[in-house]
């Protein structure tokens, strides 16, 4: 429910409130471990985005089920797992969307750095 809120409800609320909302900040990162799912639907995988000397990497966190809030608490991004795929191998370049629960990332000069530093 929280991921659905982040994807659909929060943008609608911000628009109703008259806030300028430029959409989610989406980046590309290298997946650090293989992930699997059933083919046929887009999934947003809770993950931790990290910056290394080689660029951005993303690692899925434990606890992907909707009732497991621990995984969501550890995540700083949502990794896009395309509907047509059933497996993404480690080393694959994937789209990641920074989690911005309070809308503060869109007001910063360097939202990526802020997201990486946020616990």
PDB file of N, CA and C in Angstrom:
ATOM      1  N   UNK A   1       0.815  -1.198   0.000  1.00  0.00           N
ATOM      2  CA  UNK A   1       0.000   0.000   0.000  1.00  0.00           C
ATOM      3  C   UNK A   1       0.859   1.263   0.000  1.00  0.00           C
ATOM      4  N   UNK A   2       2.009   1.229   0.692  1.00  0.00           N
ATOM      5  CA  UNK A   2       2.863   2.414   0.728  1.00  0.00           C
ATOM      6  C   UNK A   2       3.504   2.695  -0.623  1.00  0.00           C
ATOM      7  N   UNK A   3       3.865   1.647  -1.341  1.00  0.00           N
ATOM      8  CA  UNK A   3       4.444   1.842  -2.666  1.00  0.00           C
ATOM      9  C   UNK A   3       3.380   2.407  -3.613  1.00  0.00           C
ATOM     10  N   UNK A   4       2.166   1.898  -3.525  1.00  0.00           N
ATOM     11  CA  UNK A   4       1.055   2.422  -4.328  1.00  0.00           C
ATOM     12  C   UNK A   4       0.816   3.885  -3.997  1.00  0.00           C
ATOM     13  N   UNK A   5       0.852   4.215  -2.710  1.00  0.00           N
ATOM     14  CA  UNK A   5       0.702   5.615  -2.302  1.00  0.00           C
ATOM     15  C   UNK A   5       1.783   6.470  -2.952  1.00  0.00           C
ATOM     16  N   UNK A   6       3.019   6.002  -2.885  1.00  0.00           N
ATOM     17  CA  UNK A   6       4.140   6.759  -3.440  1.00  0.00           C
ATOM     18  C   UNK A   6       4.011   6.941  -4.945  1.00  0.00           C
ATOM     19  N   UNK A   7       3.549   5.923  -5.642  1.00  0.00           N
ATOM     20  CA  UNK A   7       3.479   5.964  -7.098  1.00  0.00           C
ATOM     21  C   UNK A   7       2.282   6.758  -7.626  1.00  0.00           C
ATOM     22  N   UNK A   8       1.153   6.688  -6.932  1.00  0.00           N
ATOM     23  CA  UNK A   8      -0.083   7.248  -7.489  1.00  0.00           C
ATOM     24  C   UNK A   8      -0.727   8.343  -6.645  1.00  0.00           C
ATOM     25  N   UNK A   9      -0.852   8.119  -5.358  1.00  0.00           N
ATOM     26  CA  UNK A   9      -1.601   9.049  -4.509  1.00  0.00           C
ATOM     27  C   UNK A   9      -0.809  10.321  -4.237  1.00  0.00           C
ATOM     28  N   UNK A  10       0.452  10.188  -3.855  1.00  0.00           N
ATOM     29  CA  UNK A  10       1.260  11.368  -3.528  1.00  0.00           C
ATOM     30  C   UNK A  10       1.349  12.350  -4.700  1.00  0.00           C
ATOM     31  N   UNK A  11       1.632  11.879  -5.937  1.00  0.00           N
ATOM     32  CA  UNK A  11       1.649  12.842  -7.046  1.00  0.00           C
ATOM     33  C   UNK A  11       0.305  13.554  -7.238  1.00  0.00           C
ATOM     34  N   UNK A  12      -0.793  12.825  -7.061  1.00  0.00           N
ATOM     35  CA  UNK A  12      -2.115  13.438  -7.203  1.00  0.00           C
ATOM     36  C   UNK A  12      -2.353  14.485  -6.108  1.00  0.00           C
ATOM     37  N   UNK A  13      -1.988  14.155  -4.884  1.00  0.00           N
ATOM     38  CA  UNK A  13      -2.156  15.106  -3.783  1.00  0.00           C
ATOM     39  C   UNK A  13      -1.320  16.360  -3.997  1.00  0.00           C
ATOM     40  N   UNK A  14      -0.088  16.181  -4.438  1.00  0.00           N
ATOM     41  CA  UNK A  14       0.766  17.343  -4.691  1.00  0.00           C
ATOM     42  C   UNK A  14       0.177  18.234  -5.781  1.00  0.00           C
ATOM     43  N   UNK A  15      -0.391  17.624  -6.804  1.00  0.00           N
ATOM     44  CA  UNK A  15      -1.007  18.402  -7.876  1.00  0.00           C
ATOM     45  C   UNK A  15      -2.230  19.161  -7.363  1.00  0.00           C
ATOM     46  N   UNK A  16      -3.060  18.496  -6.572  1.00  0.00           N
ATOM     47  CA  UNK A  16      -4.245  19.139  -6.000  1.00  0.00           C
ATOM     48  C   UNK A  16      -3.844  20.314  -5.109  1.00  0.00           C
ATOM     49  N   UNK A  17      -2.723  20.166  -4.392  1.00  0.00           N
ATOM     50  CA  UNK A  17      -2.250  21.215  -3.492  1.00  0.00           C
ATOM     51  C   UNK A  17      -1.598  22.372  -4.244  1.00  0.00           C
ATOM     52  N   UNK A  18      -1.441  22.219  -5.571  1.00  0.00           N
ATOM     53  CA  UNK A  18      -0.859  23.288  -6.366  1.00  0.00           C
ATOM     54  C   UNK A  18       0.657  23.280  -6.400  1.00  0.00           C
ATOM     55  N   UNK A  19       1.266  22.213  -5.917  1.00  0.00           N
ATOM     56  CA  UNK A  19       2.723  22.120  -5.939  1.00  0.00           C
ATOM     57  C   UNK A  19       3.198  21.820  -7.352  1.00  0.00           C
ATOM     58  N   UNK A  20       4.324  22.392  -7.698  1.00  0.00           N
ATOM     59  CA  UNK A  20       4.922  22.034  -8.970  1.00  0.00           C
ATOM     60  C   UNK A  20       5.594  20.689  -8.780  1.00  0.00           C
ATOM     61  N   UNK A  21       5.135  19.731  -9.521  1.00  0.00           N
ATOM     62  CA  UNK A  21       5.628  18.364  -9.375  1.00  0.00           C
ATOM     63  C   UNK A  21       6.170  17.915 -10.714  1.00  0.00           C
ATOM     64  N   UNK A  22       7.475  17.676 -10.752  1.00  0.00           N
ATOM     65  CA  UNK A  22       8.110  17.323 -12.017  1.00  0.00           C
ATOM     66  C   UNK A  22       8.221  15.818 -12.212  1.00  0.00           C
ATOM     67  N   UNK A  23       7.600  15.048 -11.365  1.00  0.00           N
ATOM     68  CA  UNK A  23       7.652  13.595 -11.492  1.00  0.00           C
ATOM     69  C   UNK A  23       8.756  12.994 -10.649  1.00  0.00           C
ATOM     70  N   UNK A  24       8.813  11.687 -10.672  1.00  0.00           N
ATOM     71  CA  UNK A  24       9.802  10.962  -9.891  1.00  0.00           C
ATOM     72  C   UNK A  24      11.182  11.116 -10.516  1.00  0.00           C
ATOM     73  N   UNK A  25      12.202  11.157  -9.677  1.00  0.00           N
ATOM     74  CA  UNK A  25      13.577  11.200 -10.160  1.00  0.00           C
ATOM     75  C   UNK A  25      14.013   9.776 -10.467  1.00  0.00           C
ATOM     76  N   UNK A  26      14.208   9.463 -11.754  1.00  0.00           N
ATOM     77  CA  UNK A  26      14.578   8.114 -12.186  1.00  0.00           C
ATOM     78  C   UNK A  26      15.991   8.127 -12.739  1.00  0.00           C
ATOM     79  N   UNK A  27      16.787   7.157 -12.304  1.00  0.00           N
ATOM     80  CA  UNK A  27      18.185   7.026 -12.694  1.00  0.00           C
ATOM     81  C   UNK A  27      18.446   5.620 -13.201  1.00  0.00           C
ATOM     82  N   UNK A  28      19.640   5.389 -13.716  1.00  0.00           N
ATOM     83  CA  UNK A  28      20.073   4.059 -14.133  1.00  0.00           C
ATOM     84  C   UNK A  28      21.164   3.593 -13.173  1.00  0.00           C
ATOM     85  N   UNK A  29      21.106   2.320 -12.784  1.00  0.00           N
ATOM     86  CA  UNK A  29      22.104   1.756 -11.876  1.00  0.00           C
ATOM     87  C   UNK A  29      22.349   0.299 -12.244  1.00  0.00           C
ATOM     88  N   UNK A  30      23.486  -0.214 -11.818  1.00  0.00           N
ATOM     89  CA  UNK A  30      23.859  -1.605 -12.083  1.00  0.00           C
ATOM     90  C   UNK A  30      23.341  -2.478 -10.934  1.00  0.00           C
ATOM     91  N   UNK A  31      22.608  -3.510 -11.281  1.00  0.00           N
ATOM     92  CA  UNK A  31      22.052  -4.445 -10.313  1.00  0.00           C
ATOM     93  C   UNK A  31      23.171  -5.305  -9.737  1.00  0.00           C
ATOM     94  N   UNK A  32      23.212  -5.457  -8.408  1.00  0.00           N
ATOM     95  CA  UNK A  32      24.307  -6.190  -7.768  1.00  0.00           C
ATOM     96  C   UNK A  32      24.013  -7.666  -7.555  1.00  0.00           C
ATOM     97  N   UNK A  33      22.742  -8.070  -7.617  1.00  0.00           N
ATOM     98  CA  UNK A  33      22.440  -9.497  -7.480  1.00  0.00           C
ATOM     99  C   UNK A  33      21.236  -9.862  -8.334  1.00  0.00           C
ATOM    100  N   UNK A  34      21.178 -11.109  -8.743  1.00  0.00           N
ATOM    101  CA  UNK A  34      20.110 -11.606  -9.600  1.00  0.00           C
ATOM    102  C   UNK A  34      18.787 -11.608  -8.841  1.00  0.00           C
ATOM    103  N   UNK A  35      17.722 -11.172  -9.515  1.00  0.00           N
ATOM    104  CA  UNK A  35      16.380 -11.194  -8.932  1.00  0.00           C
ATOM    105  C   UNK A  35      15.421 -11.876  -9.904  1.00  0.00           C
ATOM    106  N   UNK A  36      14.398 -12.532  -9.341  1.00  0.00           N
ATOM    107  CA  UNK A  36      13.409 -13.253 -10.145  1.00  0.00           C
ATOM    108  C   UNK A  36      12.008 -12.868  -9.716  1.00  0.00           C
ATOM    109  N   UNK A  37      11.070 -13.028 -10.646  1.00  0.00           N
ATOM    110  CA  UNK A  37       9.646 -12.827 -10.366  1.00  0.00           C
ATOM    111  C   UNK A  37       8.853 -13.529 -11.460  1.00  0.00           C
ATOM    112  N   UNK A  38       7.542 -13.595 -11.282  1.00  0.00           N
ATOM    113  CA  UNK A  38       6.675 -14.119 -12.342  1.00  0.00           C
ATOM    114  C   UNK A  38       6.555 -13.066 -13.431  1.00  0.00           C
ATOM    115  N   UNK A  39       6.603 -13.521 -14.668  1.00  0.00           N
ATOM    116  CA  UNK A  39       6.490 -12.633 -15.825  1.00  0.00           C
ATOM    117  C   UNK A  39       5.054 -12.131 -15.953  1.00  0.00           C
ATOM    118  N   UNK A  40       4.889 -10.920 -16.470  1.00  0.00           N
ATOM    119  CA  UNK A  40       3.551 -10.445 -16.796  1.00  0.00           C
ATOM    120  C   UNK A  40       3.105  -9.198 -16.086  1.00  0.00           C
ATOM    121  N   UNK A  41       3.872  -8.710 -15.104  1.00  0.00           N
ATOM    122  CA  UNK A  41       3.480  -7.452 -14.474  1.00  0.00           C
ATOM    123  C   UNK A  41       4.711  -6.676 -14.044  1.00  0.00           C
ATOM    124  N   UNK A  42       4.612  -5.374 -14.136  1.00  0.00           N
ATOM    125  CA  UNK A  42       5.672  -4.491 -13.682  1.00  0.00           C
ATOM    126  C   UNK A  42       5.724  -4.549 -12.165  1.00  0.00           C
ATOM    127  N   UNK A  43       6.904  -4.697 -11.607  1.00  0.00           N
ATOM    128  CA  UNK A  43       7.065  -4.675 -10.156  1.00  0.00           C
ATOM    129  C   UNK A  43       8.042  -3.578  -9.779  1.00  0.00           C
ATOM    130  N   UNK A  44       7.801  -2.976  -8.635  1.00  0.00           N
ATOM    131  CA  UNK A  44       8.696  -1.992  -8.061  1.00  0.00           C
ATOM    132  C   UNK A  44       9.385  -2.667  -6.886  1.00  0.00           C
ATOM    133  N   UNK A  45      10.663  -2.975  -7.058  1.00  0.00           N
ATOM    134  CA  UNK A  45      11.420  -3.718  -6.056  1.00  0.00           C
ATOM    135  C   UNK A  45      12.066  -2.732  -5.093  1.00  0.00           C
ATOM    136  N   UNK A  46      11.827  -2.919  -3.816  1.00  0.00           N
ATOM    137  CA  UNK A  46      12.440  -2.078  -2.795  1.00  0.00           C
ATOM    138  C   UNK A  46      13.937  -2.349  -2.788  1.00  0.00           C
ATOM    139  N   UNK A  47      14.715  -1.285  -2.848  1.00  0.00           N
ATOM    140  CA  UNK A  47      16.152  -1.475  -3.007  1.00  0.00           C
ATOM    141  C   UNK A  47      16.945  -0.339  -2.367  1.00  0.00           C
ATOM    142  N   UNK A  48      18.239  -0.571  -2.272  1.00  0.00           N
ATOM    143  CA  UNK A  48      19.175   0.413  -1.731  1.00  0.00           C
ATOM    144  C   UNK A  48      20.109   0.839  -2.846  1.00  0.00           C
ATOM    145  N   UNK A  49      20.100   2.126  -3.167  1.00  0.00           N
ATOM    146  CA  UNK A  49      20.958   2.697  -4.188  1.00  0.00           C
ATOM    147  C   UNK A  49      22.251   3.157  -3.530  1.00  0.00           C
ATOM    148  N   UNK A  50      23.382   2.805  -4.147  1.00  0.00           N
ATOM    149  CA  UNK A  50      24.683   3.197  -3.623  1.00  0.00           C
ATOM    150  C   UNK A  50      25.517   3.804  -4.734  1.00  0.00           C
ATOM    151  N   UNK A  51      26.424   4.682  -4.339  1.00  0.00           N
ATOM    152  CA  UNK A  51      27.347   5.294  -5.276  1.00  0.00           C
ATOM    153  C   UNK A  51      28.733   4.697  -5.037  1.00  0.00           C
ATOM    154  N   UNK A  52      29.363   4.225  -6.114  1.00  0.00           N
ATOM    155  CA  UNK A  52      30.711   3.667  -6.034  1.00  0.00           C
ATOM    156  C   UNK A  52      31.601   4.429  -6.998  1.00  0.00           C
ATOM    157  N   UNK A  53      32.887   4.108  -7.009  1.00  0.00           N
ATOM    158  CA  UNK A  53      33.806   4.749  -7.952  1.00  0.00           C
ATOM    159  C   UNK A  53      33.428   4.436  -9.393  1.00  0.00           C
ATOM    160  N   UNK A  54      32.751   3.289  -9.602  1.00  0.00           N
ATOM    161  CA  UNK A  54      32.350   2.880 -10.948  1.00  0.00           C
ATOM    162  C   UNK A  54      30.974   3.402 -11.351  1.00  0.00           C
ATOM    163  N   UNK A  55      30.271   4.054 -10.458  1.00  0.00           N
ATOM    164  CA  UNK A  55      28.935   4.560 -10.760  1.00  0.00           C
ATOM    165  C   UNK A  55      27.918   4.114  -9.732  1.00  0.00           C
ATOM    166  N   UNK A  56      26.665   4.125 -10.118  1.00  0.00           N
ATOM    167  CA  UNK A  56      25.583   3.768  -9.209  1.00  0.00           C
ATOM    168  C   UNK A  56      25.310   2.271  -9.259  1.00  0.00           C
ATOM    169  N   UNK A  57      25.087   1.679  -8.081  1.00  0.00           N
ATOM    170  CA  UNK A  57      24.678   0.281  -7.985  1.00  0.00           C
ATOM    171  C   UNK A  57      23.396   0.224  -7.178  1.00  0.00           C
ATOM    172  N   UNK A  58      22.615  -0.833  -7.404  1.00  0.00           N
ATOM    173  CA  UNK A  58      21.365  -1.012  -6.679  1.00  0.00           C
ATOM    174  C   UNK A  58      21.279  -2.456  -6.194  1.00  0.00           C
ATOM    175  N   UNK A  59      20.888  -2.610  -4.922  1.00  0.00           N
ATOM    176  CA  UNK A  59      20.770  -3.921  -4.302  1.00  0.00           C
ATOM    177  C   UNK A  59      19.379  -4.061  -3.705  1.00  0.00           C
ATOM    178  N   UNK A  60      18.604  -5.061  -4.136  1.00  0.00           N
ATOM    179  CA  UNK A  60      17.293  -5.285  -3.528  1.00  0.00           C
ATOM    180  C   UNK A  60      17.446  -5.590  -2.036  1.00  0.00           C
ATOM    181  N   UNK A  61      16.529  -5.076  -1.234  1.00  0.00           N
ATOM    182  CA  UNK A  61      16.552  -5.342   0.209  1.00  0.00           C
ATOM    183  C   UNK A  61      15.684  -6.564   0.508  1.00  0.00           C
ATOM    184  N   UNK A  62      15.915  -7.178   1.650  1.00  0.00           N
ATOM    185  CA  UNK A  62      15.077  -8.295   2.080  1.00  0.00           C
ATOM    186  C   UNK A  62      13.709  -7.765   2.484  1.00  0.00           C
ATOM    187  N   UNK A  63      12.698  -8.590   2.375  1.00  0.00           N
ATOM    188  CA  UNK A  63      11.354  -8.206   2.791  1.00  0.00           C
ATOM    189  C   UNK A  63      10.604  -7.438   1.724  1.00  0.00           C
ATOM    190  N   UNK A  64      10.326  -8.089   0.594  1.00  0.00           N
ATOM    191  CA  UNK A  64       9.644  -7.439  -0.518  1.00  0.00           C
ATOM    192  C   UNK A  64       8.120  -7.504  -0.411  1.00  0.00           C
ATOM    193  N   UNK A  65       7.597  -8.377   0.435  1.00  0.00           N
ATOM    194  CA  UNK A  65       6.144  -8.516   0.537  1.00  0.00           C
ATOM    195  C   UNK A  65       5.531  -7.249   1.131  1.00  0.00           C
ATOM    196  N   UNK A  66       4.300  -6.948   0.748  1.00  0.00           N
ATOM    197  CA  UNK A  66       3.674  -5.682   1.132  1.00  0.00           C
ATOM    198  C   UNK A  66       3.493  -5.522   2.639  1.00  0.00           C
ATOM    199  N   UNK A  67       3.399  -6.620   3.371  1.00  0.00           N
ATOM    200  CA  UNK A  67       3.216  -6.515   4.820  1.00  0.00           C
ATOM    201  C   UNK A  67       4.534  -6.351   5.569  1.00  0.00           C
ATOM    202  N   UNK A  68       5.655  -6.384   4.884  1.00  0.00           N
ATOM    203  CA  UNK A  68       6.975  -6.311   5.518  1.00  0.00           C
ATOM    204  C   UNK A  68       7.531  -4.895   5.384  1.00  0.00           C
ATOM    205  N   UNK A  69       7.351  -4.102   6.414  1.00  0.00           N
ATOM    206  CA  UNK A  69       7.763  -2.703   6.366  1.00  0.00           C
ATOM    207  C   UNK A  69       9.259  -2.520   6.578  1.00  0.00           C
ATOM    208  N   UNK A  70       9.937  -3.520   7.131  1.00  0.00           N
ATOM    209  CA  UNK A  70      11.369  -3.401   7.368  1.00  0.00           C
ATOM    210  C   UNK A  70      12.141  -3.171   6.087  1.00  0.00           C
ATOM    211  N   UNK A  71      11.791  -3.900   5.041  1.00  0.00           N
ATOM    212  CA  UNK A  71      12.456  -3.721   3.754  1.00  0.00           C
ATOM    213  C   UNK A  71      12.235  -2.343   3.183  1.00  0.00           C
ATOM    214  N   UNK A  72      11.034  -1.829   3.330  1.00  0.00           N
ATOM    215  CA  UNK A  72      10.724  -0.496   2.829  1.00  0.00           C
ATOM    216  C   UNK A  72      11.467   0.569   3.631  1.00  0.00           C
ATOM    217  N   UNK A  73      11.613   0.327   4.942  1.00  0.00           N
ATOM    218  CA  UNK A  73      12.337   1.280   5.786  1.00  0.00           C
ATOM    219  C   UNK A  73      13.813   1.354   5.407  1.00  0.00           C
ATOM    220  N   UNK A  74      14.383   0.247   4.936  1.00  0.00           N
ATOM    221  CA  UNK A  74      15.792   0.211   4.543  1.00  0.00           C
ATOM    222  C   UNK A  74      16.020   0.757   3.133  1.00  0.00           C
ATOM    223  N   UNK A  75      14.983   0.780   2.318  1.00  0.00           N
ATOM    224  CA  UNK A  75      15.119   1.159   0.913  1.00  0.00           C
ATOM    225  C   UNK A  75      15.206   2.680   0.749  1.00  0.00           C
ATOM    226  N   UNK A  76      15.998   3.093  -0.245  1.00  0.00           N
ATOM    227  CA  UNK A  76      16.016   4.510  -0.621  1.00  0.00           C
ATOM    228  C   UNK A  76      15.579   4.700  -2.077  1.00  0.00           C
ATOM    229  N   UNK A  77      15.172   3.561  -2.706  1.00  0.00           N
ATOM    230  CA  UNK A  77      14.705   3.655  -4.089  1.00  0.00           C
ATOM    231  C   UNK A  77      13.809   2.457  -4.408  1.00  0.00           C
ATOM    232  N   UNK A  78      13.136   2.565  -5.536  1.00  0.00           N
ATOM    233  CA  UNK A  78      12.359   1.457  -6.092  1.00  0.00           C
ATOM    234  C   UNK A  78      12.984   1.098  -7.434  1.00  0.00           C
ATOM    235  N   UNK A  79      13.332  -0.157  -7.585  1.00  0.00           N
ATOM    236  CA  UNK A  79      13.909  -0.636  -8.833  1.00  0.00           C
ATOM    237  C   UNK A  79      12.767  -1.094  -9.734  1.00  0.00           C
ATOM    238  N   UNK A  80      12.771  -0.675 -10.983  1.00  0.00           N
ATOM    239  CA  UNK A  80      11.739  -1.082 -11.933  1.00  0.00           C
ATOM    240  C   UNK A  80      12.099  -2.451 -12.495  1.00  0.00           C
ATOM    241  N   UNK A  81      11.195  -3.411 -12.312  1.00  0.00           N
ATOM    242  CA  UNK A  81      11.383  -4.769 -12.838  1.00  0.00           C
ATOM    243  C   UNK A  81      10.338  -4.922 -13.928  1.00  0.00           C
ATOM    244  N   UNK A  82      10.731  -4.796 -15.204  1.00  0.00           N
ATOM    245  CA  UNK A  82       9.768  -4.768 -16.313  1.00  0.00           C
ATOM    246  C   UNK A  82       8.849  -5.991 -16.368  1.00  0.00           C
ATOM    247  N   UNK A  83       7.635  -5.785 -16.837  1.00  0.00           N
ATOM    248  CA  UNK A  83       6.627  -6.844 -16.916  1.00  0.00           C
ATOM    249  C   UNK A  83       7.073  -8.001 -17.790  1.00  0.00           C
ATOM    250  N   UNK A  84       7.799  -7.712 -18.868  1.00  0.00           N
ATOM    251  CA  UNK A  84       8.166  -8.764 -19.812  1.00  0.00           C
ATOM    252  C   UNK A  84       9.312  -9.650 -19.311  1.00  0.00           C
ATOM    253  N   UNK A  85       9.966  -9.261 -18.225  1.00  0.00           N
ATOM    254  CA  UNK A  85      11.090 -10.051 -17.697  1.00  0.00           C
ATOM    255  C   UNK A  85      10.661 -10.900 -16.506  1.00  0.00           C
ATOM    256  N   UNK A  86      11.278 -12.068 -16.378  1.00  0.00           N
ATOM    257  CA  UNK A  86      11.067 -12.913 -15.207  1.00  0.00           C
ATOM    258  C   UNK A  86      12.337 -13.012 -14.369  1.00  0.00           C
ATOM    259  N   UNK A  87      13.479 -12.578 -14.942  1.00  0.00           N
ATOM    260  CA  UNK A  87      14.732 -12.597 -14.200  1.00  0.00           C
ATOM    261  C   UNK A  87      15.628 -11.474 -14.699  1.00  0.00           C
ATOM    262  N   UNK A  88      16.296 -10.826 -13.765  1.00  0.00           N
ATOM    263  CA  UNK A  88      17.308  -9.826 -14.095  1.00  0.00           C
ATOM    264  C   UNK A  88      18.609 -10.291 -13.451  1.00  0.00           C
ATOM    265  N   UNK A  89      19.633 -10.456 -14.255  1.00  0.00           N
ATOM    266  CA  UNK A  89      20.919 -10.929 -13.757  1.00  0.00           C
ATOM    267  C   UNK A  89      21.713  -9.801 -13.117  1.00  0.00           C
ATOM    268  N   UNK A  90      22.569 -10.177 -12.164  1.00  0.00           N
ATOM    269  CA  UNK A  90      23.508  -9.220 -11.594  1.00  0.00           C
ATOM    270  C   UNK A  90      24.325  -8.626 -12.740  1.00  0.00           C
ATOM    271  N   UNK A  91      24.574  -7.333 -12.672  1.00  0.00           N
ATOM    272  CA  UNK A  91      25.307  -6.650 -13.731  1.00  0.00           C
ATOM    273  C   UNK A  91      24.420  -5.967 -14.747  1.00  0.00           C
ATOM    274  N   UNK A  92      23.100  -6.244 -14.703  1.00  0.00           N
ATOM    275  CA  UNK A  92      22.142  -5.614 -15.614  1.00  0.00           C
ATOM    276  C   UNK A  92      21.932  -4.154 -15.212  1.00  0.00           C
ATOM    277  N   UNK A  93      21.847  -3.274 -16.197  1.00  0.00           N
ATOM    278  CA  UNK A  93      21.518  -1.873 -15.946  1.00  0.00           C
ATOM    279  C   UNK A  93      20.001  -1.769 -15.807  1.00  0.00           C
ATOM    280  N   UNK A  94      19.533  -1.191 -14.699  1.00  0.00           N
ATOM    281  CA  UNK A  94      18.102  -1.095 -14.430  1.00  0.00           C
ATOM    282  C   UNK A  94      17.715   0.344 -14.082  1.00  0.00           C
ATOM    283  N   UNK A  95      16.454   0.647 -14.263  1.00  0.00           N
ATOM    284  CA  UNK A  95      15.919   1.950 -13.864  1.00  0.00           C
ATOM    285  C   UNK A  95      15.584   1.911 -12.379  1.00  0.00           C
ATOM    286  N   UNK A  96      15.955   2.953 -11.678  1.00  0.00           N
ATOM    287  CA  UNK A  96      15.621   3.083 -10.257  1.00  0.00           C
ATOM    288  C   UNK A  96      15.003   4.449 -10.029  1.00  0.00           C
ATOM    289  N   UNK A  97      14.066   4.472  -9.128  1.00  0.00           N
ATOM    290  CA  UNK A  97      13.329   5.690  -8.816  1.00  0.00           C
ATOM    291  C   UNK A  97      13.562   6.015  -7.348  1.00  0.00           C
ATOM    292  N   UNK A  98      14.091   7.191  -7.072  1.00  0.00           N
ATOM    293  CA  UNK A  98      14.369   7.566  -5.690  1.00  0.00           C
ATOM    294  C   UNK A  98      13.074   7.678  -4.901  1.00  0.00           C
ATOM    295  N   UNK A  99      13.094   7.145  -3.685  1.00  0.00           N
ATOM    296  CA  UNK A  99      11.949   7.285  -2.793  1.00  0.00           C
ATOM    297  C   UNK A  99      12.002   8.665  -2.160  1.00  0.00           C
ATOM    298  N   UNK A 100      10.919   9.368  -2.231  1.00  0.00           N
ATOM    299  CA  UNK A 100      10.833  10.733  -1.724  1.00  0.00           C
ATOM    300  C   UNK A 100       9.502  10.891  -1.005  1.00  0.00           C
ATOM    301  N   UNK A 101       9.419  10.351   0.201  1.00  0.00           N
ATOM    302  CA  UNK A 101       8.150  10.325   0.934  1.00  0.00           C
ATOM    303  C   UNK A 101       7.605  11.715   1.234  1.00  0.00           C
ATOM    304  N   UNK A 102       8.490  12.676   1.472  1.00  0.00           N
ATOM    305  CA  UNK A 102       8.042  13.980   1.934  1.00  0.00           C
ATOM    306  C   UNK A 102       8.118  15.077   0.880  1.00  0.00           C
ATOM    307  N   UNK A 103       8.583  14.746  -0.313  1.00  0.00           N
ATOM    308  CA  UNK A 103       8.654  15.727  -1.379  1.00  0.00           C
ATOM    309  C   UNK A 103       9.850  16.648  -1.303  1.00  0.00           C
ATOM    310  N   UNK A 104      10.785  16.385  -0.404  1.00  0.00           N
ATOM    311  CA  UNK A 104      11.914  17.288  -0.232  1.00  0.00           C
ATOM    312  C   UNK A 104      12.999  17.114  -1.282  1.00  0.00           C
ATOM    313  N   UNK A 105      13.093  15.962  -1.919  1.00  0.00           N
ATOM    314  CA  UNK A 105      14.155  15.765  -2.910  1.00  0.00           C
ATOM    315  C   UNK A 105      13.997  16.682  -4.109  1.00  0.00           C
ATOM    316  N   UNK A 106      12.767  16.963  -4.488  1.00  0.00           N
ATOM    317  CA  UNK A 106      12.529  17.787  -5.675  1.00  0.00           C
ATOM    318  C   UNK A 106      12.887  19.252  -5.434  1.00  0.00           C
ATOM    319  N   UNK A 107      13.112  19.641  -4.178  1.00  0.00           N
ATOM    320  CA  UNK A 107      13.448  21.030  -3.869  1.00  0.00           C
ATOM    321  C   UNK A 107      14.950  21.244  -3.742  1.00  0.00           C
ATOM    322  N   UNK A 108      15.740  20.177  -3.809  1.00  0.00           N
ATOM    323  CA  UNK A 108      17.176  20.279  -3.581  1.00  0.00           C
ATOM    324  C   UNK A 108      17.946  20.442  -4.876  1.00  0.00           C
ATOM    325  N   UNK A 109      19.128  21.049  -4.777  1.00  0.00           N
ATOM    326  CA  UNK A 109      20.005  21.212  -5.924  1.00  0.00           C
ATOM    327  C   UNK A 109      20.552  19.872  -6.376  1.00  0.00           C
ATOM    328  N   UNK A 110      20.896  18.993  -5.415  1.00  0.00           N
ATOM    329  CA  UNK A 110      21.469  17.683  -5.738  1.00  0.00           C
ATOM    330  C   UNK A 110      20.669  16.593  -5.030  1.00  0.00           C
ATOM    331  N   UNK A 111      19.492  16.240  -5.547  1.00  0.00           N
ATOM    332  CA  UNK A 111      18.646  15.261  -4.858  1.00  0.00           C
ATOM    333  C   UNK A 111      19.283  13.872  -4.774  1.00  0.00           C
ATOM    334  N   UNK A 112      20.092  13.488  -5.737  1.00  0.00           N
ATOM    335  CA  UNK A 112      20.731  12.178  -5.687  1.00  0.00           C
ATOM    336  C   UNK A 112      21.663  12.094  -4.483  1.00  0.00           C
ATOM    337  N   UNK A 113      22.493  13.100  -4.285  1.00  0.00           N
ATOM    338  CA  UNK A 113      23.419  13.086  -3.148  1.00  0.00           C
ATOM    339  C   UNK A 113      22.639  13.048  -1.838  1.00  0.00           C
ATOM    340  N   UNK A 114      21.577  13.801  -1.746  1.00  0.00           N
ATOM    341  CA  UNK A 114      20.771  13.814  -0.532  1.00  0.00           C
ATOM    342  C   UNK A 114      20.168  12.443  -0.263  1.00  0.00           C
ATOM    343  N   UNK A 115      19.668  11.780  -1.299  1.00  0.00           N
ATOM    344  CA  UNK A 115      19.063  10.450  -1.132  1.00  0.00           C
ATOM    345  C   UNK A 115      20.099   9.429  -0.706  1.00  0.00           C
ATOM    346  N   UNK A 116      21.310   9.532  -1.237  1.00  0.00           N
ATOM    347  CA  UNK A 116      22.351   8.571  -0.871  1.00  0.00           C
ATOM    348  C   UNK A 116      22.824   8.771   0.569  1.00  0.00           C
ATOM    349  N   UNK A 117      22.741  10.001   1.066  1.00  0.00           N
ATOM    350  CA  UNK A 117      23.180  10.289   2.433  1.00  0.00           C
ATOM    351  C   UNK A 117      22.084  10.032   3.458  1.00  0.00           C
ATOM    352  N   UNK A 118      20.830  10.006   3.008  1.00  0.00           N
ATOM    353  CA  UNK A 118      19.707   9.816   3.928  1.00  0.00           C
ATOM    354  C   UNK A 118      19.722   8.381   4.453  1.00  0.00           C
ATOM    355  N   UNK A 119      19.609   8.209   5.793  1.00  0.00           N
ATOM    356  CA  UNK A 119      19.693   6.838   6.346  1.00  0.00           C
ATOM    357  C   UNK A 119      18.635   5.986   5.865  1.00  0.00           C
TER     358      UNK A 119
END
